[in-house]
C-alpha atoms as a PDB file:
ATOM      1  CA  MET A   1       0.000   0.000   0.000  1.00  0.00           C
ATOM      2  CA  VAL A   2       1.498   3.345  -1.080  1.00  0.00           C
ATOM      3  CA  LYS A   3       1.509   6.034   1.587  1.00  0.00           C
ATOM      4  CA  LYS A   4       0.496   9.479   0.518  1.00  0.00           C
ATOM      5  CA  GLN A   5       3.192  12.122   1.337  1.00  0.00           C
ATOM      6  CA  GLN A   6       1.969  15.393   2.697  1.00  0.00           C
ATOM      7  CA  GLY A   7       3.790  18.783   2.255  1.00  0.00           C
ATOM      8  CA  PHE A   8       3.826  21.775   4.543  1.00  0.00           C
ATOM      9  CA  SER A   9       0.646  23.584   5.115  1.00  0.00           C
ATOM     10  CA  LEU A  10       0.355  27.266   4.226  1.00  0.00           C
ATOM     11  CA  ILE A  11       0.407  28.190   7.885  1.00  0.00           C
ATOM     12  CA  GLU A  12       3.580  26.175   8.465  1.00  0.00           C
ATOM     13  CA  LEU A  13       5.246  27.889   5.500  1.00  0.00           C
ATOM     14  CA  PHE A  14       4.371  31.342   6.837  1.00  0.00           C
ATOM     15  CA  VAL A  15       5.651  30.413  10.298  1.00  0.00           C
ATOM     16  CA  SER A  16       8.911  29.123   8.789  1.00  0.00           C
ATOM     17  CA  LEU A  17       9.336  32.254   6.668  1.00  0.00           C
ATOM     18  CA  ALA A  18       8.628  34.510   9.622  1.00  0.00           C
ATOM     19  CA  THR A  19      11.136  32.605  11.776  1.00  0.00           C
ATOM     20  CA  GLY A  20      13.731  32.812   9.020  1.00  0.00           C
ATOM     21  CA  LEU A  21      13.174  36.526   8.572  1.00  0.00           C
ATOM     22  CA  VAL A  22      13.592  37.097  12.309  1.00  0.00           C
ATOM     23  CA  LEU A  23      16.838  35.109  12.336  1.00  0.00           C
ATOM     24  CA  PHE A  24      18.091  36.891   9.205  1.00  0.00           C
ATOM     25  CA  ALA A  25      17.232  40.288  10.685  1.00  0.00           C
ATOM     26  CA  GLY A  26      19.141  39.371  13.828  1.00  0.00           C
ATOM     27  CA  VAL A  27      22.196  38.243  11.891  1.00  0.00           C
ATOM     28  CA  LEU A  28      22.019  41.330   9.679  1.00  0.00           C
ATOM     29  CA  SER A  29      21.701  43.583  12.745  1.00  0.00           C
ATOM     30  CA  VAL A  30      24.776  41.983  14.302  1.00  0.00           C
ATOM     31  CA  PHE A  31      26.691  42.352  11.030  1.00  0.00           C
ATOM     32  CA  VAL A  32      25.726  46.021  10.663  1.00  0.00           C
ATOM     33  CA  GLY A  33      26.620  46.660  14.310  1.00  0.00           C
ATOM     34  CA  ILE A  34      30.017  45.014  13.933  1.00  0.00           C
ATOM     35  CA  ARG A  35      30.687  46.921  10.730  1.00  0.00           C
ATOM     36  CA  SER A  36      29.611  50.226  12.317  1.00  0.00           C
ATOM     37  CA  THR A  37      31.740  49.566  15.391  1.00  0.00           C
ATOM     38  CA  ALA A  38      34.733  48.627  13.240  1.00  0.00           C
ATOM     39  CA  SER A  39      34.313  51.796  11.162  1.00  0.00           C
ATOM     40  CA  GLU A  40      33.992  53.964  14.277  1.00  0.00           C
ATOM     41  CA  THR A  41      37.020  52.310  15.895  1.00  0.00           C
ATOM     42  CA  SER A  42      39.058  52.791  12.711  1.00  0.00           C
ATOM     43  CA  THR A  43      38.045  56.455  12.527  1.00  0.00           C
ATOM     44  CA  TYR A  44      39.005  57.168  16.140  1.00  0.00           C
ATOM     45  CA  GLY A  45      42.259  55.283  15.633  1.00  0.00           C
ATOM     46  CA  GLU A  46      43.032  57.540  12.683  1.00  0.00           C
ATOM     47  CA  LEU A  47      42.139  60.619  14.734  1.00  0.00           C
ATOM     48  CA  GLN A  48      44.446  59.471  17.544  1.00  0.00           C
ATOM     49  CA  GLU A  49      47.308  58.889  15.123  1.00  0.00           C
ATOM     50  CA  ASN A  50      46.929  62.210  13.300  1.00  0.00           C
ATOM     51  CA  GLY A  51      46.454  64.240  16.479  1.00  0.00           C
ATOM     52  CA  ARG A  52      49.430  62.741  18.279  1.00  0.00           C
ATOM     53  CA  PHE A  53      51.609  63.103  15.195  1.00  0.00           C
ATOM     54  CA  ALA A  54      50.711  66.809  15.014  1.00  0.00           C
ATOM     55  CA  ILE A  55      51.444  67.320  18.723  1.00  0.00           C
ATOM     56  CA  ASN A  56      54.802  65.535  18.373  1.00  0.00           C
ATOM     57  CA  LEU A  57      55.770  67.545  15.284  1.00  0.00           C
ATOM     58  CA  LEU A  58      55.010  70.885  16.945  1.00  0.00           C
ATOM     59  CA  THR A  59      56.588  69.812  20.233  1.00  0.00           C
ATOM     60  CA  ASP A  60      59.831  68.777  18.560  1.00  0.00           C
ATOM     61  CA  ASP A  61      60.208  72.241  17.003  1.00  0.00           C
ATOM     62  CA  LEU A  62      59.234  74.172  20.118  1.00  0.00           C
ATOM     63  CA  LEU A  63      61.612  72.241  22.376  1.00  0.00           C
ATOM     64  CA  ARG A  64      64.502  73.455  20.226  1.00  0.00           C
ATOM     65  CA  GLN A  65      63.259  77.000  19.870  1.00  0.00           C
ATOM     66  CA  GLY A  66      65.904  79.485  21.026  1.00  0.00           C
ATOM     67  CA  PHE A  67      68.867  77.175  20.401  1.00  0.00           C
ATOM     68  CA  TRP A  68      71.656  78.890  18.426  1.00  0.00           C
ATOM     69  CA  GLY A  69      74.568  76.517  18.716  1.00  0.00           C
ATOM     70  CA  GLU A  70      77.350  77.913  20.910  1.00  0.00           C
ATOM     71  CA  LEU A  71      76.114  81.506  20.794  1.00  0.00           C
ATOM     72  CA  PRO A  72      75.407  82.544  24.400  1.00  0.00           C
ATOM     73  CA  GLU A  73      72.337  84.708  23.747  1.00  0.00           C
ATOM     74  CA  ASN A  74      69.423  85.346  21.411  1.00  0.00           C
ATOM     75  CA  LEU A  75      70.350  85.570  17.747  1.00  0.00           C
ATOM     76  CA  SER A  76      70.867  89.073  16.388  1.00  0.00           C
ATOM     77  CA  ALA A  77      72.668  90.772  13.522  1.00  0.00           C
ATOM     78  CA  GLY A  78      75.171  92.178  16.032  1.00  0.00           C
ATOM     79  CA  LEU A  79      76.411  88.654  16.869  1.00  0.00           C
ATOM     80  CA  LEU A  80      76.971  87.722  13.221  1.00  0.00           C
ATOM     81  CA  VAL A  81      79.916  88.589  11.035  1.00  0.00           C
ATOM     82  CA  SER A  82      77.739  87.821   8.005  1.00  0.00           C
ATOM     83  CA  SER A  83      74.160  86.888   7.241  1.00  0.00           C
ATOM     84  CA  PRO A  84      72.023  86.694   4.079  1.00  0.00           C
ATOM     85  CA  ALA A  85      69.912  89.694   3.176  1.00  0.00           C
ATOM     86  CA  GLN A  86      66.167  89.275   3.181  1.00  0.00           C
ATOM     87  CA  VAL A  87      65.357  86.815   0.409  1.00  0.00           C
ATOM     88  CA  ALA A  88      62.885  87.759  -2.326  1.00  0.00           C
ATOM     89  CA  GLY A  89      59.574  86.007  -1.749  1.00  0.00           C
ATOM     90  CA  ASP A  90      60.384  85.288   1.893  1.00  0.00           C
ATOM     91  CA  CYS A  91      57.683  84.743   4.514  1.00  0.00           C
ATOM     92  CA  VAL A  92      57.729  87.816   6.759  1.00  0.00           C
ATOM     93  CA  GLY A  93      55.858  87.889  10.050  1.00  0.00           C
ATOM     94  CA  ASP A  94      54.722  90.864  12.069  1.00  0.00           C
ATOM     95  CA  GLY A  95      57.389  93.236  13.384  1.00  0.00           C
ATOM     96  CA  ILE A  96      60.240  95.135  11.765  1.00  0.00           C
ATOM     97  CA  ASN A  97      62.692  92.196  11.910  1.00  0.00           C
ATOM     98  CA  ASN A  98      60.757  89.010  11.297  1.00  0.00           C
ATOM     99  CA  SER A  99      61.922  87.472   8.022  1.00  0.00           C
ATOM    100  CA  SER A 100      64.040  84.317   7.741  1.00  0.00           C
ATOM    101  CA  PHE A 101      67.324  85.947   8.785  1.00  0.00           C
ATOM    102  CA  PRO A 102      68.173  88.631  11.365  1.00  0.00           C
ATOM    103  CA  GLN A 103      68.550  92.130   9.963  1.00  0.00           C
ATOM    104  CA  ALA A 104      70.367  95.098  11.506  1.00  0.00           C
ATOM    105  CA  VAL A 105      67.151  96.750  12.702  1.00  0.00           C
ATOM    106  CA  GLY A 106      64.908  96.065  15.668  1.00  0.00           C
ATOM    107  CA  HIS A 107      64.716  92.794  17.566  1.00  0.00           C
ATOM    108  CA  PHE A 108      64.879  89.531  15.613  1.00  0.00           C
ATOM    109  CA  ARG A 109      61.786  87.430  16.309  1.00  0.00           C
ATOM    110  CA  ALA A 110      62.608  83.748  16.440  1.00  0.00           C
ATOM    111  CA  LEU A 111      59.138  82.814  17.754  1.00  0.00           C
ATOM    112  CA  TRP A 112      55.954  84.475  16.559  1.00  0.00           C
ATOM    113  CA  GLY A 113      52.329  83.562  15.963  1.00  0.00           C
ATOM    114  CA  THR A 114      49.023  84.962  14.880  1.00  0.00           C
ATOM    115  CA  SER A 115      45.422  83.912  14.408  1.00  0.00           C
ATOM    116  CA  SER A 116      44.458  83.958  10.735  1.00  0.00           C
ATOM    117  CA  VAL A 117      41.703  86.427   9.916  1.00  0.00           C
ATOM    118  CA  SER A 118      42.072  85.881   6.166  1.00  0.00           C
ATOM    119  CA  ALA A 119      43.591  83.370   3.754  1.00  0.00           C
ATOM    120  CA  ALA A 120      46.561  85.672   3.066  1.00  0.00           C
ATOM    121  CA  ASN A 121      49.372  85.759   5.641  1.00  0.00           C
ATOM    122  CA  MET A 122      53.059  86.738   5.824  1.00  0.00           C
ATOM    123  CA  GLY A 123      53.211  87.692   2.146  1.00  0.00           C
ATOM    124  CA  CYS A 124      53.710  84.052   1.134  1.00  0.00           C
ATOM    125  CA  ILE A 125      50.517  82.241   2.193  1.00  0.00           C
ATOM    126  CA  ASP A 126      47.216  82.521   0.348  1.00  0.00           C
ATOM    127  CA  ASP A 127      45.320  79.461   1.575  1.00  0.00           C
ATOM    128  CA  ALA A 128      45.234  79.722   5.382  1.00  0.00           C
ATOM    129  CA  LYS A 129      42.034  78.678   7.139  1.00  0.00           C
ATOM    130  CA  THR A 130      40.559  81.611   9.024  1.00  0.00           C
ATOM    131  CA  GLY A 131      40.100  81.224  12.757  1.00  0.00           C
ATOM    132  CA  SER A 132      43.046  78.867  13.166  1.00  0.00           C
ATOM    133  CA  ASP A 133      46.507  79.902  14.367  1.00  0.00           C
ATOM    134  CA  LEU A 134      49.770  80.252  12.501  1.00  0.00           C
ATOM    135  CA  LEU A 135      53.133  79.557  14.168  1.00  0.00           C
ATOM    136  CA  GLN A 136      56.581  80.698  13.027  1.00  0.00           C
ATOM    137  CA  ILE A 137      59.773  79.189  14.498  1.00  0.00           C
ATOM    138  CA  LYS A 138      63.445  79.850  13.712  1.00  0.00           C
ATOM    139  CA  ARG A 139      66.274  77.856  15.284  1.00  0.00           C
ATOM    140  CA  VAL A 140      69.134  75.516  14.456  1.00  0.00           C
ATOM    141  CA  ILE A 141      69.085  71.734  14.653  1.00  0.00           C
ATOM    142  CA  SER A 142      70.744  70.585  17.870  1.00  0.00           C
ATOM    143  CA  VAL A 143      73.262  68.216  16.264  1.00  0.00           C
ATOM    144  CA  PRO A 144      76.284  69.833  14.518  1.00  0.00           C
ATOM    145  CA  VAL A 145      77.161  68.769  10.981  1.00  0.00           C
ATOM    146  CA  ALA A 146      80.560  68.249   9.388  1.00  0.00           C
ATOM    147  CA  PRO A 147      81.622  70.643   6.600  1.00  0.00           C
ATOM    148  CA  ALA A 148      81.515  67.748   4.137  1.00  0.00           C
ATOM    149  CA  SER A 149      77.849  67.150   4.994  1.00  0.00           C
ATOM    150  CA  VAL A 150      76.653  70.664   4.200  1.00  0.00           C
ATOM    151  CA  ASP A 151      73.666  70.452   1.806  1.00  0.00           C
ATOM    152  CA  SER A 152      73.456  72.997  -1.023  1.00  0.00           C
ATOM    153  CA  GLU A 153      69.657  73.259  -0.597  1.00  0.00           C
ATOM    154  CA  ARG A 154      69.815  74.420   3.029  1.00  0.00           C
ATOM    155  CA  TYR A 155      71.153  77.247   5.189  1.00  0.00           C
ATOM    156  CA  TYR A 156      73.577  76.897   8.109  1.00  0.00           C
ATOM    157  CA  LEU A 157      74.877  78.719  11.164  1.00  0.00           C
ATOM    158  CA  ILE A 158      78.570  78.468  11.956  1.00  0.00           C
ATOM    159  CA  ALA A 159      79.416  79.822  15.406  1.00  0.00           C
ATOM    160  CA  ASN A 160      81.646  79.758  18.453  1.00  0.00           C
ATOM    161  CA  ALA A 161      80.918  81.307  21.832  1.00  0.00           C
ATOM    162  CA  ASN A 162      81.649  84.828  20.563  1.00  0.00           C
ATOM    163  CA  SER A 163      80.279  85.196  17.048  1.00  0.00           C
ATOM    164  CA  GLY A 164      78.763  83.392  14.125  1.00  0.00           C
ATOM    165  CA  ALA A 165      77.670  83.585  10.523  1.00  0.00           C
ATOM    166  CA  ILE A 166      74.682  82.315   8.552  1.00  0.00           C
ATOM    167  CA  PHE A 167      75.517  81.003   5.093  1.00  0.00           C
ATOM    168  CA  ALA A 168      73.892  79.167   2.214  1.00  0.00           C
ATOM    169  CA  GLY A 169      74.909  75.572   1.667  1.00  0.00           C
ATOM    170  CA  GLY A 170      76.900  75.059  -1.505  1.00  0.00           C
ATOM    171  CA  GLY A 171      78.762  78.329  -1.042  1.00  0.00           C
ATOM    172  CA  ALA A 172      81.940  79.122   0.829  1.00  0.00           C
ATOM    173  CA  ILE A 173      81.852  78.355   4.543  1.00  0.00           C
ATOM    174  CA  PRO A 174      82.818  81.467   6.561  1.00  0.00           C
ATOM    175  CA  ALA A 175      86.049  81.137   8.499  1.00  0.00           C
ATOM    176  CA  ILE A 176      85.401  81.337  12.257  1.00  0.00           C
ATOM    177  CA  ASN A 177      87.906  79.915  14.713  1.00  0.00           C
ATOM    178  CA  ASP A 178      86.906  76.926  16.873  1.00  0.00           C
ATOM    179  CA  ALA A 179      83.383  76.976  15.431  1.00  0.00           C
ATOM    180  CA  GLN A 180      80.832  74.281  14.692  1.00  0.00           C
ATOM    181  CA  ILE A 181      78.140  74.163  12.012  1.00  0.00           C
ATOM    182  CA  TRP A 182      74.401  73.659  12.581  1.00  0.00           C
ATOM    183  CA  GLU A 183      71.575  73.504  10.065  1.00  0.00           C
ATOM    184  CA  TYR A 184      69.500  76.699  10.213  1.00  0.00           C
ATOM    185  CA  GLN A 185      65.743  76.268  10.032  1.00  0.00           C
ATOM    186  CA  HIS A 186      62.723  78.511   9.567  1.00  0.00           C
ATOM    187  CA  HIS A 187      59.442  76.604   9.956  1.00  0.00           C
ATOM    188  CA  ILE A 188      55.869  77.849   9.563  1.00  0.00           C
ATOM    189  CA  TYR A 189      52.745  75.919  10.590  1.00  0.00           C
ATOM    190  CA  TYR A 190      49.156  76.699   9.647  1.00  0.00           C
ATOM    191  CA  ILE A 191      45.915  74.989   8.588  1.00  0.00           C
ATOM    192  CA  SER A 192      44.735  74.844   4.992  1.00  0.00           C
ATOM    193  CA  GLU A 193      42.040  72.849   3.168  1.00  0.00           C
ATOM    194  CA  TYR A 194      41.905  70.919  -0.081  1.00  0.00           C
ATOM    195  CA  THR A 195      39.110  69.258  -2.052  1.00  0.00           C
ATOM    196  CA  GLN A 196      38.838  65.486  -2.278  1.00  0.00           C
ATOM    197  CA  GLY A 197      35.850  64.600  -4.452  1.00  0.00           C
ATOM    198  CA  ASN A 198      32.844  66.247  -2.817  1.00  0.00           C
ATOM    199  CA  ASN A 199      34.621  66.516   0.516  1.00  0.00           C
ATOM    200  CA  THR A 200      36.843  69.259   1.968  1.00  0.00           C
ATOM    201  CA  VAL A 201      39.826  67.940   3.904  1.00  0.00           C
ATOM    202  CA  PRO A 202      41.694  70.098   6.466  1.00  0.00           C
ATOM    203  CA  VAL A 203      45.460  69.693   6.581  1.00  0.00           C
ATOM    204  CA  LEU A 204      48.344  70.900   8.742  1.00  0.00           C
ATOM    205  CA  MET A 205      50.829  72.676   6.496  1.00  0.00           C
ATOM    206  CA  GLN A 206      54.547  72.979   7.246  1.00  0.00           C
ATOM    207  CA  GLY A 207      56.758  75.557   5.565  1.00  0.00           C
ATOM    208  CA  GLN A 208      60.495  74.876   5.367  1.00  0.00           C
ATOM    209  CA  LEU A 209      63.313  77.227   4.410  1.00  0.00           C
ATOM    210  CA  ARG A 210      65.200  76.188   1.270  1.00  0.00           C
ATOM    211  CA  ASN A 211      68.212  77.631  -0.546  1.00  0.00           C
ATOM    212  CA  GLY A 212      68.186  78.254  -4.280  1.00  0.00           C
ATOM    213  CA  THR A 213      64.427  77.844  -4.712  1.00  0.00           C
ATOM    214  CA  LEU A 214      61.578  80.249  -5.344  1.00  0.00           C
ATOM    215  CA  PRO A 215      59.747  80.801  -3.175  1.00  0.00           C
ATOM    216  CA  PRO A 216      62.398  80.257  -0.467  1.00  0.00           C
ATOM    217  CA  ILE A 217      59.824  78.758   1.935  1.00  0.00           C
ATOM    218  CA  PHE A 218      58.609  75.416   0.589  1.00  0.00           C
ATOM    219  CA  PHE A 219      55.202  74.284   1.907  1.00  0.00           C
ATOM    220  CA  ASN A 220      54.095  70.686   2.169  1.00  0.00           C
ATOM    221  CA  GLN A 221      50.995  68.936   3.484  1.00  0.00           C
ATOM    222  CA  ALA A 222      52.324  67.539   6.742  1.00  0.00           C
ATOM    223  CA  ILE A 223      49.251  65.842   8.281  1.00  0.00           C
ATOM    224  CA  ASP A 224      45.738  65.389   6.875  1.00  0.00           C
ATOM    225  CA  GLY A 225      42.722  65.687   9.143  1.00  0.00           C
ATOM    226  CA  ILE A 226      44.007  68.504  11.377  1.00  0.00           C
ATOM    227  CA  GLU A 227      41.198  71.063  11.456  1.00  0.00           C
ATOM    228  CA  MET A 228      42.506  73.686  13.868  1.00  0.00           C
ATOM    229  CA  ILE A 229      45.622  74.577  15.847  1.00  0.00           C
ATOM    230  CA  ARG A 230      45.836  77.149  18.613  1.00  0.00           C
ATOM    231  CA  PHE A 231      48.659  78.287  20.849  1.00  0.00           C
ATOM    232  CA  MET A 232      48.711  80.017  24.221  1.00  0.00           C
ATOM    233  CA  TYR A 233      52.051  81.617  25.086  1.00  0.00           C
ATOM    234  CA  GLY A 234      53.277  81.429  28.681  1.00  0.00           C
ATOM    235  CA  VAL A 235      54.778  84.851  29.425  1.00  0.00           C
ATOM    236  CA  ASP A 236      57.041  85.720  32.362  1.00  0.00           C
ATOM    237  CA  SER A 237      56.465  89.472  32.506  1.00  0.00           C
ATOM    238  CA  ASP A 238      58.406  90.206  35.724  1.00  0.00           C
ATOM    239  CA  ASN A 239      61.558  88.159  35.061  1.00  0.00           C
ATOM    240  CA  ASP A 240      61.174  85.824  38.044  1.00  0.00           C
ATOM    241  CA  GLY A 241      61.322  82.604  36.022  1.00  0.00           C
ATOM    242  CA  VAL A 242      57.614  81.833  36.496  1.00  0.00           C
ATOM    243  CA  VAL A 243      54.868  82.129  33.882  1.00  0.00           C
ATOM    244  CA  ASN A 244      52.489  84.941  34.851  1.00  0.00           C
ATOM    245  CA  ALA A 245      49.859  84.216  32.211  1.00  0.00           C
ATOM    246  CA  PHE A 246      49.125  82.165  29.109  1.00  0.00           C
ATOM    247  CA  ILE A 247      48.146  84.572  26.352  1.00  0.00           C
ATOM    248  CA  ALA A 248      46.616  83.997  22.909  1.00  0.00           C
ATOM    249  CA  ALA A 249      48.509  85.349  19.904  1.00  0.00           C
ATOM    250  CA  GLY A 250      45.996  88.130  19.306  1.00  0.00           C
ATOM    251  CA  ASN A 251      46.595  89.532  22.808  1.00  0.00           C
ATOM    252  CA  MET A 252      50.398  89.336  22.787  1.00  0.00           C
ATOM    253  CA  LEU A 253      52.275  92.648  23.029  1.00  0.00           C
ATOM    254  CA  ASP A 254      55.256  93.501  20.840  1.00  0.00           C
ATOM    255  CA  THR A 255      57.521  93.413  23.902  1.00  0.00           C
ATOM    256  CA  TYR A 256      56.443  89.824  24.561  1.00  0.00           C
ATOM    257  CA  TRP A 257      57.393  88.703  21.048  1.00  0.00           C
ATOM    258  CA  ASP A 258      60.763  90.442  21.406  1.00  0.00           C
ATOM    259  CA  ASN A 259      61.486  87.894  24.153  1.00  0.00           C
ATOM    260  CA  GLU A 260      64.223  89.975  25.769  1.00  0.00           C
ATOM    261  CA  SER A 261      65.767  89.525  29.214  1.00  0.00           C
ATOM    262  CA  ASP A 262      63.056  91.321  31.197  1.00  0.00           C
ATOM    263  CA  VAL A 263      60.115  89.586  29.453  1.00  0.00           C
ATOM    264  CA  ARG A 264      60.366  85.986  28.283  1.00  0.00           C
ATOM    265  CA  ILE A 265      58.109  83.400  26.685  1.00  0.00           C
ATOM    266  CA  LEU A 266      58.806  80.380  28.891  1.00  0.00           C
ATOM    267  CA  ALA A 267      56.178  77.906  27.696  1.00  0.00           C
ATOM    268  CA  VAL A 268      53.616  77.259  24.984  1.00  0.00           C
ATOM    269  CA  LYS A 269      50.291  75.430  25.276  1.00  0.00           C
ATOM    270  CA  ILE A 270      49.397  73.550  22.098  1.00  0.00           C
ATOM    271  CA  PHE A 271      45.822  72.691  21.113  1.00  0.00           C
ATOM    272  CA  VAL A 272      45.177  70.457  18.100  1.00  0.00           C
ATOM    273  CA  LEU A 273      41.688  69.599  16.858  1.00  0.00           C
ATOM    274  CA  ALA A 274      41.715  66.505  14.634  1.00  0.00           C
ATOM    275  CA  ARG A 275      38.779  65.760  12.326  1.00  0.00           C
ATOM    276  CA  SER A 276      37.816  62.608  10.438  1.00  0.00           C
ATOM    277  CA  ILE A 277      38.602  62.732   6.718  1.00  0.00           C
ATOM    278  CA  LEU A 278      35.142  61.501   5.644  1.00  0.00           C
ATOM    279  CA  PRO A 279      31.718  62.286   7.170  1.00  0.00           C
ATOM    280  CA  ASP A 280      29.594  59.638   8.862  1.00  0.00           C
ATOM    281  CA  GLU A 281      25.933  60.138   7.982  1.00  0.00           C
ATOM    282  CA  ASP A 282      24.892  58.103  11.046  1.00  0.00           C
ATOM    283  CA  TYR A 283      26.730  60.459  13.411  1.00  0.00           C
ATOM    284  CA  GLU A 284      25.882  64.023  14.415  1.00  0.00           C
ATOM    285  CA  ASN A 285      28.556  66.103  16.129  1.00  0.00           C
ATOM    286  CA  LEU A 286      26.996  68.437  18.689  1.00  0.00           C
ATOM    287  CA  ASN A 287      30.124  68.694  20.857  1.00  0.00           C
ATOM    288  CA  THR A 288      31.843  71.858  22.053  1.00  0.00           C
ATOM    289  CA  TYR A 289      35.648  72.040  22.119  1.00  0.00           C
ATOM    290  CA  GLN A 290      37.780  74.304  24.338  1.00  0.00           C
ATOM    291  CA  LEU A 291      41.036  75.346  22.653  1.00  0.00           C
ATOM    292  CA  GLY A 292      42.626  77.511  25.316  1.00  0.00           C
ATOM    293  CA  ASP A 293      40.579  80.695  25.415  1.00  0.00           C
ATOM    294  CA  LEU A 294      38.654  79.722  22.286  1.00  0.00           C
ATOM    295  CA  VAL A 295      35.390  77.731  22.356  1.00  0.00           C
ATOM    296  CA  VAL A 296      34.312  76.152  19.061  1.00  0.00           C
ATOM    297  CA  ASN A 297      31.465  73.928  17.914  1.00  0.00           C
ATOM    298  CA  PHE A 298      30.069  72.929  14.568  1.00  0.00           C
ATOM    299  CA  VAL A 299      26.374  73.349  15.271  1.00  0.00           C
ATOM    300  CA  ASN A 300      24.432  75.326  12.698  1.00  0.00           C
ATOM    301  CA  GLY A 301      20.727  75.957  13.178  1.00  0.00           C
ATOM    302  CA  GLY A 302      20.531  73.371  15.931  1.00  0.00           C
ATOM    303  CA  SER A 303      22.104  70.598  13.869  1.00  0.00           C
ATOM    304  CA  GLY A 304      25.714  69.445  13.990  1.00  0.00           C
ATOM    305  CA  ASP A 305      27.803  68.153  11.118  1.00  0.00           C
ATOM    306  CA  ASN A 306      28.711  64.507  10.493  1.00  0.00           C
ATOM    307  CA  TYR A 307      32.442  64.571  11.306  1.00  0.00           C
ATOM    308  CA  ARG A 308      34.032  62.933  14.323  1.00  0.00           C
ATOM    309  CA  ARG A 309      36.673  64.957  16.164  1.00  0.00           C
ATOM    310  CA  LEU A 310      39.223  64.612  18.949  1.00  0.00           C
ATOM    311  CA  LEU A 311      40.929  67.458  20.812  1.00  0.00           C
ATOM    312  CA  PHE A 312      44.579  67.123  21.862  1.00  0.00           C
ATOM    313  CA  SER A 313      46.573  69.455  24.091  1.00  0.00           C
ATOM    314  CA  SER A 314      50.047  69.681  25.544  1.00  0.00           C
ATOM    315  CA  THR A 315      52.109  72.248  27.449  1.00  0.00           C
ATOM    316  CA  ILE A 316      55.707  72.652  26.319  1.00  0.00           C
ATOM    317  CA  THR A 317      58.326  74.274  28.518  1.00  0.00           C
ATOM    318  CA  LEU A 318      60.890  76.053  26.340  1.00  0.00           C
ATOM    319  CA  PRO A 319      64.214  74.792  27.730  1.00  0.00           C
ATOM    320  CA  ASN A 320      66.292  77.484  26.016  1.00  0.00           C
ATOM    321  CA  ALA A 321      64.122  80.423  27.068  1.00  0.00           C
ATOM    322  CA  ARG A 322      66.365  81.519  29.976  1.00  0.00           C
ATOM    323  CA  VAL A 323      69.680  79.899  29.100  1.00  0.00           C
ATOM    324  CA  ASP A 324      72.555  82.343  28.824  1.00  0.00           C
ATOM    325  CA  THR A 325      75.331  79.924  27.938  1.00  0.00           C
ATOM    326  CA  TRP A 326      75.462  76.509  26.309  1.00  0.00           C
ATOM    327  CA  PRO A 327      77.358  73.547  27.779  1.00  0.00           C
END
């Protein structure tokens, strides 16, 4: 006798489909959650890397600010037997003596900053992001170089404890007794932006002094994803070796930038705001960020944008700020 086989009833099919859909939705939800978490973790990892890299880059320069080889005091034209004239196309900061090399007028500013109010700055920058700071540093690298290692594309300081000379690599090295040679640097940091598809990417720019090139300050994109930098300058206004106040660039007096014996800049607070390269449509940034005396947010009409951000800060003591002689 042949048994008649029975299939699933319509109700059983609907129950099976419903159960399958529930299981599929659960698996899909877990997959989407894992993917979202992985994307968020990757983004914050990138923010951490970019922010710390920016802090380290700025810290490295600031720690060596004010170092002039064996010269026992701040660099000035009076200490030099020779120095290049102001180079055509140079980046010139505020003040009467604030180009790449010290001139025989006023006080040479080896550290200076400003907050950009327009894209144009220092006669050599036309793409600065407004509202962010600009930092200018001049110093020599702390490790002397041998005469045979002098690079024709760079500038150098040769000095002993009494005098020195700045010269272009590739030319004749000035004769100074018992002197050593250090690479001379003029660095400029600011924030710019560039377009990547439909997205605007902020970037930390670094300008570097070069010999034999036009313009003499070469700019490169140092770190992507850095949206804002701000500096607060720790000023000792009564010459007691203690910072009296941290002051934003816009409130600094000319006498503070001159950094002479009675008024010194002893420390700098760095604030770096890192931003994700791409927006995340599932994220809304309603946060407020405190960069020293400046409070910023990205809320417009009650709605934030879709970029993740991390704020980094560090306080750098300038070790050469009150040194009168070098070991």
